[in-house]
Amino acid sequence: MRGFDPLAFIDRKEAKRLDRFAHLAMAAALMAVEDAKLSLDREVRERIGVLIGSGIVDVQAVTP
């Protein structure tokens, strides 16, 4: 996805640690919460989770 900036959604340190597919998944999750207009107060945040799976490893992770 050209023009996508993961830093608009996650901090620089975390972006360096994560693969591209994870950048996109994090952005999608954050946009979904925003679109749904969910109120995520402290009590609710502790009861919400997201599971991300990948059938193959990210190509960027295995290329030098």
C-alpha atoms as a PDB file:
ATOM      1  CA  MET A   1       0.000   0.000   0.000  1.00  0.00           C
ATOM      2  CA  ARG A   2       1.828   3.059  -1.236  1.00  0.00           C
ATOM      3  CA  GLY A   3       1.801   6.189   0.866  1.00  0.00           C
ATOM      4  CA  PHE A   4       0.934   4.374   4.100  1.00  0.00           C
ATOM      5  CA  ASP A   5       2.756   5.867   7.097  1.00  0.00           C
ATOM      6  CA  PRO A   6       2.699   3.577  10.141  1.00  0.00           C
ATOM      7  CA  LEU A   7       3.896   6.474  12.302  1.00  0.00           C
ATOM      8  CA  ALA A   8       0.429   7.992  11.955  1.00  0.00           C
ATOM      9  CA  PHE A   9      -0.830   5.075  14.073  1.00  0.00           C
ATOM     10  CA  ILE A  10       2.062   3.737  16.179  1.00  0.00           C
ATOM     11  CA  ASP A  11       5.235   5.192  17.632  1.00  0.00           C
ATOM     12  CA  ARG A  12       8.587   4.967  15.867  1.00  0.00           C
ATOM     13  CA  LYS A  13      10.122   2.428  18.268  1.00  0.00           C
ATOM     14  CA  GLU A  14       7.229  -0.003  17.881  1.00  0.00           C
ATOM     15  CA  ALA A  15       7.116   0.525  14.109  1.00  0.00           C
ATOM     16  CA  LYS A  16      10.767  -0.512  13.808  1.00  0.00           C
ATOM     17  CA  ARG A  17      10.074  -3.694  15.776  1.00  0.00           C
ATOM     18  CA  LEU A  18       6.992  -4.774  13.804  1.00  0.00           C
ATOM     19  CA  ASP A  19       6.664  -6.144  10.260  1.00  0.00           C
ATOM     20  CA  ARG A  20       4.624  -4.406   7.565  1.00  0.00           C
ATOM     21  CA  PHE A  21       1.584  -6.667   7.957  1.00  0.00           C
ATOM     22  CA  ALA A  22       1.469  -5.761  11.659  1.00  0.00           C
ATOM     23  CA  HIS A  23       1.619  -2.024  10.816  1.00  0.00           C
ATOM     24  CA  LEU A  24      -1.433  -2.466   8.599  1.00  0.00           C
ATOM     25  CA  ALA A  25      -3.267  -4.582  11.196  1.00  0.00           C
ATOM     26  CA  MET A  26      -2.661  -2.011  13.944  1.00  0.00           C
ATOM     27  CA  ALA A  27      -3.867   0.813  11.723  1.00  0.00           C
ATOM     28  CA  ALA A  28      -6.982  -1.151  10.724  1.00  0.00           C
ATOM     29  CA  ALA A  29      -7.823  -1.907  14.365  1.00  0.00           C
ATOM     30  CA  LEU A  30      -7.400   1.727  15.410  1.00  0.00           C
ATOM     31  CA  MET A  31      -9.508   2.944  12.466  1.00  0.00           C
ATOM     32  CA  ALA A  32     -12.230   0.381  13.297  1.00  0.00           C
ATOM     33  CA  VAL A  33     -12.459   1.650  16.886  1.00  0.00           C
ATOM     34  CA  GLU A  34     -12.646   5.223  15.630  1.00  0.00           C
ATOM     35  CA  ASP A  35     -15.271   4.411  12.978  1.00  0.00           C
ATOM     36  CA  ALA A  36     -17.389   2.558  15.557  1.00  0.00           C
ATOM     37  CA  LYS A  37     -17.155   5.584  17.872  1.00  0.00           C
ATOM     38  CA  LEU A  38     -16.350   3.288  20.786  1.00  0.00           C
ATOM     39  CA  SER A  39     -15.727   4.888  24.141  1.00  0.00           C
ATOM     40  CA  LEU A  40     -12.682   3.099  25.505  1.00  0.00           C
ATOM     41  CA  ASP A  41     -12.501   4.141  29.125  1.00  0.00           C
ATOM     42  CA  ARG A  42     -10.036   2.353  31.407  1.00  0.00           C
ATOM     43  CA  GLU A  43     -12.485  -0.337  32.528  1.00  0.00           C
ATOM     44  CA  VAL A  44     -13.505  -1.254  28.981  1.00  0.00           C
ATOM     45  CA  ARG A  45      -9.919  -1.206  27.591  1.00  0.00           C
ATOM     46  CA  GLU A  46      -8.880  -3.924  30.029  1.00  0.00           C
ATOM     47  CA  ARG A  47     -11.557  -6.248  28.595  1.00  0.00           C
ATOM     48  CA  ILE A  48     -10.789  -5.829  24.887  1.00  0.00           C
ATOM     49  CA  GLY A  49      -8.229  -7.714  22.842  1.00  0.00           C
ATOM     50  CA  VAL A  50      -7.229  -8.374  19.265  1.00  0.00           C
ATOM     51  CA  LEU A  51      -5.676 -11.538  17.902  1.00  0.00           C
ATOM     52  CA  ILE A  52      -3.602 -11.305  14.727  1.00  0.00           C
ATOM     53  CA  GLY A  53      -2.400 -14.379  12.883  1.00  0.00           C
ATOM     54  CA  SER A  54      -0.257 -14.827   9.814  1.00  0.00           C
ATOM     55  CA  GLY A  55      -0.072 -18.013   7.788  1.00  0.00           C
ATOM     56  CA  ILE A  56       3.386 -17.192   6.511  1.00  0.00           C
ATOM     57  CA  VAL A  57       6.211 -15.060   7.740  1.00  0.00           C
ATOM     58  CA  ASP A  58       6.497 -11.545   6.304  1.00  0.00           C
ATOM     59  CA  VAL A  59       8.877 -11.490   3.331  1.00  0.00           C
ATOM     60  CA  GLN A  60      10.636  -8.428   4.730  1.00  0.00           C
ATOM     61  CA  ALA A  61      11.503 -10.413   7.873  1.00  0.00           C
ATOM     62  CA  VAL A  62      13.474 -13.060   5.977  1.00  0.00           C
ATOM     63  CA  THR A  63      15.229 -10.977   3.315  1.00  0.00           C
ATOM     64  CA  PRO A  64      18.570  -9.389   4.198  1.00  0.00           C
END
